[in-house]
Amino acid sequence: MAATTADELIDTPAQPQPFHKTPMGKKVVAGGGVAAVLAVVVALWMWSQTPDYRVLYANYSDKDGGAITASLDQMGVKYKFSEGGSAILVPAEQVPDLRLKLAAQGLPKGGNVGFELMENQKLGVSQFVEQVNYQRSLEGELARSIQSLGSVAGARVHLALPKPSVFVRDQQKPTASVLLNLQSGRALDPGQVSAIVHLVASSIPELTIGNVTVVDQNGNLLSEQPKAGGLGKQLDASQLKYVEQVQQNIIKQVESLISPIVGKGNVRAEATAEVDFAQVDTAAEMYKPNSPPEPQAIRSQQTSEQTGPSSGNANGIPGALSNQPPGVATAPIEGGAPGAPGAAPAQSGPSRKDATTNYEVDKTIRYEQRPMGGIKRLTVGVVVNYRRTVDPATGKVTVKPLPAAEVAQINELVKQAMGYSQARGDTLNVANAPFEGVDKPDEAGPDWYKDPSNLPLAMEVGKYLLIAAILAFLYFRILRPLLRPVMNKFDEVTAVPEDEKEKSEDSDDDGSSTVELGSGGKPALGPDGMPLAPEEEPRERSYRANLAMAKEMARNDPRIVANVIKAWVGSEQ
C-alpha cells in the first residue's frame, strides 16, 4: 500500500511543457529556422546579383519616349533610363520580345520623316507643297544618317535650297546647317566633323563644303570655315598625327640600330620633322636663247625681188607737192648737148628685194605636281651613355666614355637610319654623356591599398566577404544550434554500439541467444543481481527513471519526501 502510494507520488505527471520544448515543437522551430536561413541566403544572393539591362531604344524623341514608357507600364515591364536619359534599358532577356510588341503598336514613330513622306502625297498638290515635302524628306534622311554615328544622340538638318535661275548672275548656291545633340560625355574629333560636312555636301547638288555649318547643342561651332583668301586653313588632326608618326618612325629606327652596339637603355633619340603640306602644281614654258648660225635649223626661207621702169609722172597725193624727189642733175663730161651721141643712158626704174628666213626655236613645257607631305628638313639628336665595365675580380663598375672612332661610326649609322640629306639642310648631333639614374632601381609604386585602380576590385571582394560573414554568423549562431538536437537524435537512432555489434555477430556465428545490454554496454541487472530478460528491461528502466526522479525531488524539495515517509508511517500504524 505504501509502495503504491509512493509510486503514485513519484509518477505524478509534471506540468505540461510549452510547445516549443516538446519534440514536435523543436522540429517545427528547427524547420522555421532552416527556412529563415534559406530565405536570407536567397535574398543575399539576389542582392549580390546585378541585373543585366540592355538598350531597348535610343535616340528617341520625347513623344516617342513617353509612348514607349506608357506601353511598358501597361505590360508591367521594369525599365530604367541610362545616364542622361538618352536610352531606355530593360532586362536583357526581354529585349527581342518587347521590340516586337512595341513595333506591333507602331512605336517608335520617329521624330524625323524621310522619303516615306512622298509616298502619301496626294494627286494634284501644288508645286510649292511638293517642293516643301521633298526638302523635309531630304532633311530627315540626312538627320537619320548622322544619328547613326555612335557619339550623336540626335541631329537636325536645315537646308536652304534656292530656286534655279536661267541667268548666271542670279544663281545662288545652296547652304546647309546641322545641329548635333551629342551623347553625354562624348565629343567629335575634327575628322568626324569633316566626315559629317562631306556627307551633307555630297547629298545636295552644287553644295560646297564651305557652305555647310555644324553646331553642337552647346552652341559651339564645330566646322571652322576658312577665311577669305584661304588664309584660315590650318593643320588638321590628321596632319599633326602624320608629323608625329614620321618623328616616331625616325626615333624607332635610330634606337633599334644603335641599341645592339651600346646596349638596351643606353641610347636616347629625339627627332623633329618639318613637313611641307602644300600641294603645288607647276606649269613652266621655257625658251632657250638664239643659237649660233651653225647649228640653226631653218624652218622656212622666202626671197622676193621687184624691179620696175621709171615713170615720169609725179607720184603723191593729188593737190600736194610730189613726194618723189627730183633726180640728180648730170652733165656730160665732154660737154655735149643733150641727146647728142656719147650721152649717158637714162636712169632705170626703182627696184626692191626681200628675204625672209624662219628658224626653229627651242621650247620646253613642263607640268610638275608635288604631293603634300614631303619632308622639308630633319633635326635629330642622339645621346649615348658611357660604357660600363665590371671587374670580374672585384666586381667594381667602371664608367668610361666611348672612343672617338666608335662615336664617329655611330654618327654615320644614324645618318643612314634617318635618311640624312645635306641639300635639304638636315642636322644631326650625336653626344656621348653619362646617364643619371640608369643603375638606380625603379621607384616603387604606391601601396596596393592606396592605388585607386584597386578600389573597384576591393569593393567587389568586400561585398562577397560581407556575404560570407553573414552566412557564417547565421550558420554558427542560428542554424547549427537548431540542428544539433536533431543530428544527435539521428545519431543515437542510427548508431549501433560496437560491443553489441560484436556480440551479435558472435552470437550469430555460434547460434546462441542474445542478451540485452544495459547502459555502458553491460548487461542489464535486475534487483536480484541477475541479468534481465529482454522483455523485463523496459520495466527496469522505468523503475530506475522513477528512482532518479525521486532523488532529484528529494534534493530539490525535501517536503515531498517527508510527506511520503509520513504517509508510509501512518499506513503501518
Protein backbone atom coordinates (compact mmCIF):
# COMPACT_ATOMS: atom_id res chain seq x y z
CA MET A 1 0.00 0.00 0.00
CA ALA A 2 2.77 2.40 0.97
CA ALA A 3 4.79 1.44 -2.04
CA THR A 4 1.79 2.05 -4.21
CA THR A 5 1.30 5.48 -2.74
CA ALA A 6 4.98 6.34 -3.19
CA ASP A 7 4.87 5.19 -6.77
CA GLU A 8 1.81 7.25 -7.38
CA LEU A 9 3.50 10.26 -5.82
CA ILE A 10 6.67 9.68 -7.83
CA ASP A 11 4.88 9.01 -11.12
CA THR A 12 2.72 12.09 -10.78
CA PRO A 13 2.81 13.74 -14.20
CA ALA A 14 4.57 17.07 -14.31
CA GLN A 15 3.09 20.30 -15.60
CA PRO A 16 2.50 20.45 -19.36
CA GLN A 17 5.56 21.78 -21.18
CA PRO A 18 5.44 24.64 -23.71
CA PHE A 19 5.01 23.63 -27.34
CA HIS A 20 8.46 24.80 -28.36
CA LYS A 21 10.03 22.48 -25.77
CA THR A 22 8.22 19.40 -26.98
CA PRO A 23 9.84 17.19 -29.62
CA MET A 24 7.32 18.29 -32.22
CA GLY A 25 7.76 21.94 -31.31
CA LYS A 26 11.54 21.64 -31.53
CA LYS A 27 11.18 20.16 -35.01
CA VAL A 28 8.87 22.98 -36.05
CA VAL A 29 11.24 25.61 -34.66
CA ALA A 30 14.20 23.93 -36.39
CA GLY A 31 12.29 23.83 -39.68
CA GLY A 32 11.37 27.50 -39.34
CA GLY A 33 14.97 28.42 -38.61
CA VAL A 34 16.19 26.49 -41.65
CA ALA A 35 13.57 28.21 -43.83
CA ALA A 36 14.58 31.63 -42.46
CA VAL A 37 18.25 30.93 -43.15
CA LEU A 38 17.48 29.80 -46.67
CA ALA A 39 15.39 32.91 -47.26
CA VAL A 40 18.24 35.12 -46.03
CA VAL A 41 20.71 33.26 -48.27
CA VAL A 42 18.45 33.67 -51.31
CA ALA A 43 17.96 37.36 -50.52
CA LEU A 44 21.71 37.89 -50.20
CA TRP A 45 22.31 36.06 -53.47
CA MET A 46 19.71 38.15 -55.28
CA TRP A 47 21.18 41.30 -53.76
CA SER A 48 24.66 40.39 -54.93
CA GLN A 49 23.48 39.72 -58.46
CA THR A 50 23.46 42.78 -60.73
CA PRO A 51 20.54 42.67 -63.17
CA ASP A 52 21.62 42.75 -66.79
CA TYR A 53 19.88 45.63 -68.56
CA ARG A 54 20.19 46.22 -72.30
CA VAL A 55 19.21 49.11 -74.53
CA LEU A 56 15.68 48.85 -75.86
CA TYR A 57 15.58 52.12 -77.80
CA ALA A 58 17.92 55.10 -78.03
CA ASN A 59 17.89 58.47 -79.76
CA TYR A 60 14.16 58.76 -79.49
CA SER A 61 12.04 61.87 -79.34
CA ASP A 62 10.21 62.96 -76.19
CA LYS A 63 6.87 61.97 -77.68
CA ASP A 64 8.06 58.51 -78.59
CA GLY A 65 9.74 58.10 -75.19
CA GLY A 66 6.50 58.88 -73.36
CA ALA A 67 4.54 56.45 -75.51
CA ILE A 68 7.13 53.68 -75.02
CA THR A 69 7.26 54.06 -71.23
CA ALA A 70 3.44 54.13 -71.04
CA SER A 71 3.28 50.89 -73.00
CA LEU A 72 5.93 49.28 -70.77
CA ASP A 73 3.95 50.28 -67.67
CA GLN A 74 0.84 48.65 -69.10
CA MET A 75 2.77 45.42 -69.76
CA GLY A 76 4.30 45.50 -66.26
CA VAL A 77 7.90 45.55 -67.50
CA LYS A 78 10.62 47.04 -65.31
CA TYR A 79 12.76 49.61 -67.06
CA LYS A 80 15.23 52.37 -66.32
CA PHE A 81 16.97 55.17 -68.15
CA SER A 82 20.63 55.50 -68.99
CA GLU A 83 22.78 58.38 -67.83
CA GLY A 84 21.41 61.48 -69.46
CA GLY A 85 18.10 59.81 -70.34
CA SER A 86 19.09 59.11 -73.93
CA ALA A 87 18.22 55.40 -73.86
CA ILE A 88 15.59 53.11 -72.29
CA LEU A 89 17.03 49.99 -70.63
CA VAL A 90 15.11 46.78 -69.99
CA PRO A 91 16.18 43.26 -68.86
CA ALA A 92 18.32 41.64 -71.50
CA GLU A 93 16.13 38.55 -71.94
CA GLN A 94 13.08 40.68 -72.75
CA VAL A 95 14.60 42.96 -75.41
CA PRO A 96 13.60 40.98 -78.57
CA ASP A 97 10.07 40.29 -77.32
CA LEU A 98 9.46 43.90 -76.30
CA ARG A 99 10.72 45.26 -79.60
CA LEU A 100 8.28 43.06 -81.49
CA LYS A 101 5.38 44.04 -79.24
CA LEU A 102 6.15 47.76 -79.49
CA ALA A 103 6.62 47.50 -83.25
CA ALA A 104 3.11 46.00 -83.46
CA GLN A 105 1.87 49.16 -81.74
CA GLY A 106 3.73 51.38 -84.23
CA LEU A 107 6.40 52.51 -81.75
CA PRO A 108 8.68 54.32 -82.04
CA LYS A 109 7.23 56.58 -84.69
CA GLY A 110 10.43 58.59 -85.13
CA GLY A 111 10.92 62.32 -84.93
CA ASN A 112 12.41 62.69 -88.40
CA VAL A 113 10.44 61.86 -91.51
CA GLY A 114 12.22 60.56 -94.58
CA PHE A 115 11.23 59.87 -98.14
CA GLU A 116 8.23 57.90 -96.89
CA LEU A 117 6.56 61.33 -96.74
CA MET A 118 6.49 61.32 -100.54
CA GLU A 119 4.53 58.05 -100.58
CA ASN A 120 1.45 59.62 -99.01
CA GLN A 121 1.46 62.59 -101.31
CA LYS A 122 -1.95 63.22 -102.88
CA LEU A 123 -2.58 63.73 -106.52
CA GLY A 124 -2.90 67.32 -107.62
CA VAL A 125 -0.83 69.02 -104.92
CA SER A 126 0.82 72.29 -105.81
CA GLN A 127 4.42 72.56 -106.82
CA PHE A 128 5.19 74.51 -103.67
CA VAL A 129 3.87 71.75 -101.39
CA GLU A 130 5.74 69.16 -103.41
CA GLN A 131 8.99 71.12 -103.04
CA VAL A 132 8.45 71.52 -99.29
CA ASN A 133 7.77 67.81 -98.83
CA TYR A 134 10.88 66.93 -100.83
CA GLN A 135 13.01 69.27 -98.71
CA ARG A 136 11.57 67.82 -95.46
CA SER A 137 12.25 64.30 -96.68
CA LEU A 138 15.81 65.16 -97.63
CA GLU A 139 16.44 66.80 -94.25
CA GLY A 140 15.01 63.78 -92.41
CA GLU A 141 17.13 61.29 -94.35
CA LEU A 142 20.28 63.29 -93.67
CA ALA A 143 19.40 63.53 -89.95
CA ARG A 144 18.89 59.75 -89.77
CA SER A 145 22.25 59.16 -91.42
CA ILE A 146 24.03 61.47 -89.00
CA GLN A 147 22.28 59.91 -85.98
CA SER A 148 23.76 56.54 -86.89
CA LEU A 149 27.10 57.78 -85.55
CA GLY A 150 27.86 56.49 -82.08
CA SER A 151 28.60 59.86 -80.50
CA VAL A 152 25.49 61.59 -81.89
CA ALA A 153 22.27 61.28 -79.88
CA GLY A 154 20.17 63.45 -82.18
CA ALA A 155 20.56 65.64 -85.24
CA ARG A 156 18.60 68.24 -87.17
CA VAL A 157 19.42 69.42 -90.67
CA HIS A 158 18.29 72.70 -92.20
CA LEU A 159 18.63 73.16 -95.95
CA ALA A 160 18.37 76.41 -97.86
CA LEU A 161 17.74 75.44 -101.48
CA PRO A 162 17.41 78.47 -103.78
CA LYS A 163 15.20 78.44 -106.81
CA PRO A 164 17.04 77.69 -110.05
CA SER A 165 17.57 80.58 -112.42
CA VAL A 166 18.49 80.69 -116.10
CA PHE A 167 20.58 83.82 -115.54
CA VAL A 168 24.07 83.20 -114.33
CA ARG A 169 24.27 86.40 -112.32
CA ASP A 170 21.11 85.47 -110.41
CA GLN A 171 22.18 81.94 -109.50
CA GLN A 172 22.70 81.22 -105.78
CA LYS A 173 24.47 78.30 -104.15
CA PRO A 174 22.59 76.13 -101.60
CA THR A 175 23.59 76.16 -97.93
CA ALA A 176 23.09 73.71 -95.05
CA SER A 177 23.16 73.87 -91.26
CA VAL A 178 23.46 70.85 -88.95
CA LEU A 179 22.60 70.89 -85.23
CA LEU A 180 24.06 67.94 -83.29
CA ASN A 181 22.94 66.68 -79.90
CA LEU A 182 25.93 64.68 -78.65
CA GLN A 183 25.92 61.88 -76.10
CA SER A 184 26.72 62.77 -72.50
CA GLY A 185 30.47 62.99 -72.07
CA ARG A 186 31.19 62.41 -75.78
CA ALA A 187 32.84 64.71 -78.30
CA LEU A 188 33.61 64.69 -82.00
CA ASP A 189 37.12 64.95 -83.32
CA PRO A 190 37.88 67.11 -86.37
CA GLY A 191 37.90 64.05 -88.61
CA GLN A 192 34.33 63.10 -87.66
CA VAL A 193 33.14 66.69 -88.14
CA SER A 194 34.75 66.75 -91.57
CA ALA A 195 33.01 63.48 -92.41
CA ILE A 196 29.61 64.97 -91.49
CA VAL A 197 30.35 68.06 -93.59
CA HIS A 198 31.32 65.95 -96.61
CA LEU A 199 28.26 63.74 -96.12
CA VAL A 200 25.87 66.69 -96.27
CA ALA A 201 27.75 68.41 -99.12
CA SER A 202 27.75 65.25 -101.22
CA SER A 203 24.00 64.77 -100.81
CA ILE A 204 22.95 68.16 -102.20
CA PRO A 205 23.75 69.20 -105.78
CA GLU A 206 26.09 72.22 -106.10
CA LEU A 207 26.54 72.37 -102.31
CA THR A 208 30.13 73.15 -101.40
CA ILE A 209 31.93 72.19 -98.22
CA GLY A 210 32.35 75.83 -97.22
CA ASN A 211 28.57 76.31 -97.17
CA VAL A 212 27.95 73.62 -94.52
CA THR A 213 27.85 74.66 -90.86
CA VAL A 214 27.90 72.19 -87.96
CA VAL A 215 26.93 73.28 -84.43
CA ASP A 216 26.55 71.20 -81.24
CA GLN A 217 23.88 71.52 -78.54
CA ASN A 218 26.06 73.95 -76.55
CA GLY A 219 26.33 76.39 -79.44
CA ASN A 220 29.93 75.55 -80.29
CA LEU A 221 30.90 75.88 -83.93
CA LEU A 222 32.42 72.56 -84.94
CA SER A 223 33.02 73.27 -88.62
CA GLU A 224 35.56 76.09 -88.79
CA GLN A 225 35.10 77.98 -92.03
CA PRO A 226 38.23 79.18 -93.87
CA LYS A 227 38.78 82.91 -94.06
CA ALA A 228 38.80 84.94 -97.22
CA GLY A 229 41.69 84.21 -99.48
CA GLY A 230 42.29 80.82 -97.89
CA LEU A 231 44.34 82.28 -95.03
CA GLY A 232 42.36 80.47 -92.40
CA LYS A 233 43.40 76.97 -93.41
CA GLN A 234 45.34 75.33 -90.62
CA LEU A 235 46.74 71.93 -89.80
CA ASP A 236 44.10 69.38 -89.03
CA ALA A 237 44.40 66.40 -86.72
CA SER A 238 45.43 64.01 -89.48
CA GLN A 239 48.37 66.22 -90.49
CA LEU A 240 49.59 66.57 -86.93
CA LYS A 241 49.27 62.82 -86.48
CA TYR A 242 51.29 62.27 -89.65
CA VAL A 243 54.10 64.52 -88.39
CA GLU A 244 54.19 62.68 -85.08
CA GLN A 245 54.24 59.35 -86.87
CA VAL A 246 57.18 60.44 -89.04
CA GLN A 247 59.14 61.54 -85.94
CA GLN A 248 58.38 58.34 -84.05
CA ASN A 249 59.45 56.21 -87.00
CA ILE A 250 62.81 58.01 -87.19
CA ILE A 251 63.35 57.62 -83.43
CA LYS A 252 62.48 53.93 -83.60
CA GLN A 253 64.84 53.31 -86.50
CA VAL A 254 67.74 55.09 -84.80
CA GLU A 255 67.29 53.37 -81.43
CA SER A 256 66.80 49.92 -82.97
CA LEU A 257 70.03 50.36 -84.94
CA ILE A 258 72.22 51.71 -82.12
CA SER A 259 70.86 49.59 -79.24
CA PRO A 260 72.72 46.38 -80.25
CA ILE A 261 76.01 48.32 -80.17
CA VAL A 262 75.72 50.20 -76.86
CA GLY A 263 73.14 48.02 -75.12
CA LYS A 264 69.44 48.41 -74.44
CA GLY A 265 68.57 51.52 -72.49
CA ASN A 266 71.87 53.25 -73.26
CA VAL A 267 70.66 55.38 -76.17
CA ARG A 268 68.08 58.14 -76.39
CA ALA A 269 66.98 59.82 -79.61
CA GLU A 270 64.64 62.65 -80.49
CA ALA A 271 63.63 63.90 -83.92
CA THR A 272 61.91 66.97 -85.27
CA ALA A 273 60.47 66.89 -88.76
CA GLU A 274 59.37 69.85 -90.84
CA VAL A 275 56.76 68.57 -93.25
CA ASP A 276 55.51 70.52 -96.23
CA PHE A 277 51.77 70.06 -96.62
CA ALA A 278 51.45 72.47 -99.55
CA GLN A 279 50.18 70.86 -102.73
CA VAL A 280 51.93 72.60 -105.65
CA ASP A 281 51.07 72.28 -109.33
CA THR A 282 53.65 73.91 -111.64
CA ALA A 283 53.38 74.56 -115.38
CA ALA A 284 56.58 76.01 -116.97
CA GLU A 285 57.30 77.01 -120.60
CA MET A 286 60.96 77.80 -121.30
CA TYR A 287 62.70 79.18 -124.43
CA LYS A 288 66.43 78.88 -124.92
CA PRO A 289 68.47 81.82 -126.33
CA ASN A 290 69.21 82.06 -130.02
CA SER A 291 71.85 79.64 -131.15
CA PRO A 292 74.88 80.45 -133.30
CA PRO A 293 74.32 80.33 -137.03
CA GLU A 294 75.93 76.95 -137.45
CA PRO A 295 73.53 74.74 -135.55
CA GLN A 296 70.47 76.66 -136.57
CA ALA A 297 67.70 74.73 -138.24
CA ILE A 298 65.84 76.62 -140.94
CA ARG A 299 62.11 76.06 -140.86
CA SER A 300 61.31 78.15 -143.98
CA GLN A 301 63.02 80.69 -146.28
CA GLN A 302 61.41 83.17 -148.68
CA THR A 303 63.11 85.66 -151.09
CA SER A 304 61.37 88.24 -153.32
CA GLU A 305 62.83 90.81 -155.76
CA GLN A 306 60.89 93.50 -157.62
CA THR A 307 62.16 95.88 -160.35
CA GLY A 308 60.04 98.41 -162.30
CA PRO A 309 60.53 101.06 -165.07
CA SER A 310 60.91 104.72 -164.28
CA SER A 311 57.78 106.81 -164.56
CA GLY A 312 57.76 110.47 -165.49
CA ASN A 313 54.55 111.10 -163.79
CA ALA A 314 54.61 112.65 -160.45
CA ASN A 315 53.67 110.41 -157.62
CA GLY A 316 51.99 111.53 -154.50
CA ILE A 317 48.79 112.85 -153.13
CA PRO A 318 46.83 114.99 -155.54
CA GLY A 319 46.89 118.63 -154.67
CA ALA A 320 50.17 118.41 -152.82
CA LEU A 321 53.78 118.54 -153.65
CA SER A 322 55.16 115.48 -155.23
CA ASN A 323 56.74 113.04 -152.74
CA GLN A 324 59.10 111.87 -155.44
CA PRO A 325 62.42 113.64 -155.04
CA PRO A 326 63.86 115.19 -158.14
CA GLY A 327 66.58 113.36 -159.88
CA VAL A 328 70.22 114.36 -159.63
CA ALA A 329 71.30 116.56 -162.46
CA THR A 330 74.18 115.15 -164.51
CA ALA A 331 76.34 116.93 -167.03
CA PRO A 332 78.24 115.24 -169.80
CA ILE A 333 81.94 115.08 -169.39
CA GLU A 334 82.66 116.19 -172.89
CA GLY A 335 80.07 118.91 -172.70
CA GLY A 336 77.99 117.53 -175.46
CA ALA A 337 74.46 118.65 -175.88
CA PRO A 338 71.71 116.64 -174.52
CA GLY A 339 70.73 113.91 -176.83
CA ALA A 340 73.97 114.01 -178.56
CA PRO A 341 75.95 110.91 -179.19
CA GLY A 342 78.01 109.83 -176.23
CA ALA A 343 75.49 110.98 -173.60
CA ALA A 344 74.73 108.80 -170.51
CA PRO A 345 71.79 106.37 -170.70
CA ALA A 346 68.55 107.25 -169.00
CA GLN A 347 68.08 106.17 -165.34
CA SER A 348 66.12 102.89 -164.73
CA GLY A 349 63.06 102.48 -162.50
CA PRO A 350 63.03 101.54 -158.73
CA SER A 351 63.92 98.00 -157.57
CA ARG A 352 63.03 96.00 -154.28
CA LYS A 353 64.48 92.81 -152.86
CA ASP A 354 63.07 90.98 -149.72
CA ALA A 355 64.40 87.86 -147.97
CA THR A 356 62.61 86.09 -145.05
CA THR A 357 64.15 83.15 -143.16
CA ASN A 358 62.34 81.30 -140.28
CA TYR A 359 64.45 79.27 -137.85
CA GLU A 360 63.33 76.60 -135.28
CA VAL A 361 63.23 77.88 -131.65
CA ASP A 362 63.79 75.53 -128.64
CA LYS A 363 60.72 75.24 -126.37
CA THR A 364 60.21 73.15 -123.22
CA ILE A 365 56.85 72.80 -121.44
CA ARG A 366 56.93 71.06 -118.04
CA TYR A 367 54.00 70.25 -115.75
CA GLU A 368 55.04 69.38 -112.20
CA GLN A 369 52.75 68.26 -109.40
CA ARG A 370 54.29 67.81 -105.98
CA PRO A 371 52.20 65.88 -103.46
CA MET A 372 51.72 67.19 -99.95
CA GLY A 373 53.52 65.64 -97.01
CA GLY A 374 57.07 65.99 -98.20
CA ILE A 375 59.84 66.38 -95.64
CA LYS A 376 61.49 69.77 -95.79
CA ARG A 377 64.03 69.33 -93.01
CA LEU A 378 65.02 66.84 -90.31
CA THR A 379 66.67 67.57 -86.99
CA VAL A 380 67.84 64.58 -84.93
CA GLY A 381 69.61 64.50 -81.58
CA VAL A 382 71.11 61.28 -80.15
CA VAL A 383 72.64 60.76 -76.70
CA VAL A 384 74.69 57.64 -76.00
CA ASN A 385 75.57 56.55 -72.49
CA TYR A 386 79.09 55.90 -71.25
CA ARG A 387 80.24 52.32 -71.43
CA ARG A 388 80.21 50.47 -68.11
CA THR A 389 82.60 47.63 -67.44
CA VAL A 390 82.60 45.28 -64.44
CA ASP A 391 85.85 43.98 -62.98
CA PRO A 392 85.48 40.19 -62.62
CA ALA A 393 87.82 40.08 -59.65
CA THR A 394 86.48 42.91 -57.51
CA GLY A 395 83.06 43.45 -59.08
CA LYS A 396 83.68 47.20 -59.32
CA VAL A 397 81.79 49.05 -62.05
CA THR A 398 83.87 51.40 -64.19
CA VAL A 399 82.30 54.02 -66.44
CA LYS A 400 84.31 55.19 -69.46
CA PRO A 401 83.41 57.34 -72.47
CA LEU A 402 83.23 55.77 -75.88
CA PRO A 403 86.21 56.11 -78.22
CA ALA A 404 86.06 58.82 -80.86
CA ALA A 405 86.12 56.26 -83.65
CA GLU A 406 83.09 54.48 -82.24
CA VAL A 407 81.22 57.78 -81.84
CA ALA A 408 82.00 58.62 -85.47
CA GLN A 409 80.74 55.20 -86.52
CA ILE A 410 77.51 55.75 -84.58
CA ASN A 411 77.16 59.15 -86.28
CA GLU A 412 77.38 57.56 -89.73
CA LEU A 413 74.90 54.86 -88.80
CA VAL A 414 72.41 57.46 -87.54
CA LYS A 415 72.73 59.38 -90.82
CA GLN A 416 71.87 56.26 -92.75
CA ALA A 417 68.92 55.44 -90.45
CA MET A 418 67.36 58.91 -90.57
CA GLY A 419 67.91 59.49 -94.29
CA TYR A 420 70.29 62.42 -93.88
CA SER A 421 70.35 64.89 -96.76
CA GLN A 422 72.76 67.80 -96.82
CA ALA A 423 70.94 69.51 -99.67
CA ARG A 424 67.78 69.52 -97.62
CA GLY A 425 69.57 71.16 -94.68
CA ASP A 426 69.25 68.26 -92.19
CA THR A 427 71.13 68.50 -88.90
CA LEU A 428 72.40 65.71 -86.68
CA ASN A 429 74.11 65.78 -83.31
CA VAL A 430 75.43 62.65 -81.56
CA ALA A 431 76.64 63.17 -77.97
CA ASN A 432 78.32 60.78 -75.56
CA ALA A 433 77.41 61.54 -71.94
CA PRO A 434 76.77 59.54 -68.74
CA PHE A 435 73.17 58.79 -67.85
CA GLU A 436 71.99 59.65 -64.36
CA GLY A 437 69.88 57.10 -62.55
CA VAL A 438 70.27 54.26 -65.03
CA ASP A 439 71.54 51.83 -62.40
CA LYS A 440 69.13 53.00 -59.75
CA PRO A 441 66.16 50.72 -59.05
CA ASP A 442 62.81 51.89 -60.20
CA GLU A 443 60.81 53.71 -57.62
CA ALA A 444 58.25 51.55 -56.01
CA GLY A 445 54.73 52.41 -56.87
CA PRO A 446 52.11 53.29 -54.32
CA ASP A 447 50.89 50.68 -51.87
CA TRP A 448 48.22 48.36 -53.16
CA TYR A 449 45.69 49.76 -50.73
CA LYS A 450 46.48 53.32 -51.91
CA ASP A 451 46.22 52.54 -55.60
CA PRO A 452 42.95 53.98 -56.97
CA SER A 453 42.80 51.31 -59.65
CA ASN A 454 42.32 48.63 -56.99
CA LEU A 455 39.30 50.34 -55.45
CA PRO A 456 36.65 48.66 -57.66
CA LEU A 457 38.23 45.25 -57.04
CA ALA A 458 38.36 45.90 -53.30
CA MET A 459 34.68 46.88 -53.27
CA GLU A 460 33.73 43.73 -55.16
CA VAL A 461 35.79 41.50 -52.83
CA GLY A 462 34.39 43.31 -49.78
CA LYS A 463 30.84 42.63 -50.93
CA TYR A 464 31.48 38.88 -51.16
CA LEU A 465 33.33 38.86 -47.83
CA LEU A 466 30.34 40.57 -46.19
CA ILE A 467 28.01 37.95 -47.63
CA ALA A 468 30.30 35.17 -46.40
CA ALA A 469 30.45 36.69 -42.90
CA ILE A 470 26.64 36.95 -42.71
CA LEU A 471 26.24 33.35 -43.83
CA ALA A 472 28.83 32.16 -41.29
CA PHE A 473 27.04 34.04 -38.50
CA LEU A 474 23.68 32.55 -39.45
CA TYR A 475 25.13 29.07 -39.58
CA PHE A 476 27.08 29.06 -36.31
CA ARG A 477 24.64 31.13 -34.26
CA ILE A 478 21.23 30.02 -35.55
CA LEU A 479 21.26 27.05 -37.85
CA ARG A 480 23.83 24.88 -36.08
CA PRO A 481 22.25 25.16 -32.57
CA LEU A 482 18.86 24.34 -34.07
CA LEU A 483 20.13 21.34 -35.94
CA ARG A 484 22.33 19.99 -33.14
CA PRO A 485 19.48 18.14 -31.22
CA VAL A 486 18.13 16.73 -34.45
CA MET A 487 21.53 15.48 -35.52
CA ASN A 488 22.22 13.98 -32.07
CA LYS A 489 18.89 12.22 -32.10
CA PHE A 490 19.59 10.94 -35.56
CA ASP A 491 22.99 9.67 -34.47
CA GLU A 492 21.51 7.93 -31.43
CA VAL A 493 18.90 6.24 -33.57
CA THR A 494 21.22 5.17 -36.32
CA ALA A 495 24.30 4.38 -34.25
CA VAL A 496 24.96 0.77 -33.19
CA PRO A 497 27.25 0.13 -30.20
CA GLU A 498 30.43 -1.62 -31.11
CA ASP A 499 30.20 -4.19 -28.27
CA GLU A 500 26.65 -5.01 -29.14
CA LYS A 501 27.56 -5.35 -32.75
CA GLU A 502 30.44 -7.67 -32.00
CA LYS A 503 28.36 -9.64 -29.55
CA SER A 504 25.55 -10.01 -32.03
CA GLU A 505 27.99 -11.12 -34.67
CA ASP A 506 29.46 -13.69 -32.27
CA SER A 507 26.06 -14.96 -31.28
CA ASP A 508 25.01 -15.24 -34.86
CA ASP A 509 28.08 -17.25 -35.59
CA ASP A 510 27.61 -19.57 -32.59
CA GLY A 511 23.85 -19.84 -32.94
CA SER A 512 23.25 -18.90 -29.27
CA SER A 513 20.68 -16.44 -27.92
CA THR A 514 21.43 -12.81 -27.37
CA VAL A 515 21.48 -10.98 -24.08
CA GLU A 516 20.19 -7.44 -23.80
CA LEU A 517 22.79 -4.93 -22.79
CA GLY A 518 22.24 -2.05 -20.47
CA SER A 519 23.79 1.36 -20.45
CA GLY A 520 27.53 1.42 -20.95
CA GLY A 521 27.49 -1.84 -22.89
CA LYS A 522 26.97 -4.01 -19.71
CA PRO A 523 24.08 -6.45 -19.31
CA ALA A 524 21.08 -5.01 -17.55
CA LEU A 525 20.75 -6.45 -14.00
CA GLY A 526 17.61 -6.95 -12.01
CA PRO A 527 17.04 -6.39 -8.24
CA ASP A 528 18.48 -9.80 -7.52
CA GLY A 529 21.66 -9.01 -9.47
CA MET A 530 20.84 -11.39 -12.30
CA PRO A 531 20.74 -10.31 -15.93
CA LEU A 532 17.32 -9.30 -17.08
CA ALA A 533 15.43 -10.87 -19.86
CA PRO A 534 14.77 -8.74 -22.95
CA GLU A 535 11.09 -8.32 -22.07
CA GLU A 536 11.94 -7.18 -18.49
CA GLU A 537 14.41 -4.48 -19.42
CA PRO A 538 11.87 -1.62 -20.21
CA ARG A 539 10.26 -2.18 -16.80
CA GLU A 540 13.62 -1.96 -15.07
CA ARG A 541 14.46 1.23 -16.97
CA SER A 542 11.14 2.81 -15.87
CA TYR A 543 11.92 1.87 -12.29
CA ARG A 544 15.34 3.46 -12.45
CA ALA A 545 13.92 6.57 -14.06
CA ASN A 546 11.37 6.89 -11.28
CA LEU A 547 14.05 6.37 -8.67
CA ALA A 548 16.23 9.06 -10.19
CA MET A 549 13.26 11.40 -10.30
CA ALA A 550 12.56 10.73 -6.61
CA LYS A 551 16.18 11.51 -5.71
CA GLU A 552 16.01 14.71 -7.69
CA MET A 553 12.78 15.72 -5.91
CA ALA A 554 14.33 14.91 -2.50
CA ARG A 555 17.22 17.21 -3.24
CA ASN A 556 15.07 19.98 -4.59
CA ASP A 557 12.05 19.78 -2.28
CA PRO A 558 12.56 17.70 0.91
CA ARG A 559 8.94 18.27 1.98
CA ILE A 560 7.67 15.84 -0.58
CA VAL A 561 9.94 13.16 0.81
CA ALA A 562 8.74 13.99 4.34
CA ASN A 563 5.12 13.65 3.27
CA VAL A 564 5.86 10.31 1.66
CA ILE A 565 7.57 8.99 4.78
CA LYS A 566 4.71 10.31 6.94
CA ALA A 567 2.25 8.52 4.69
CA TRP A 568 4.23 5.29 4.98
CA VAL A 569 4.35 5.53 8.82
CA GLY A 570 0.65 6.35 9.09
CA SER A 571 -0.31 3.39 6.95
CA GLU A 572 1.76 0.94 9.07
CA GLN A 573 0.05 2.09 12.25
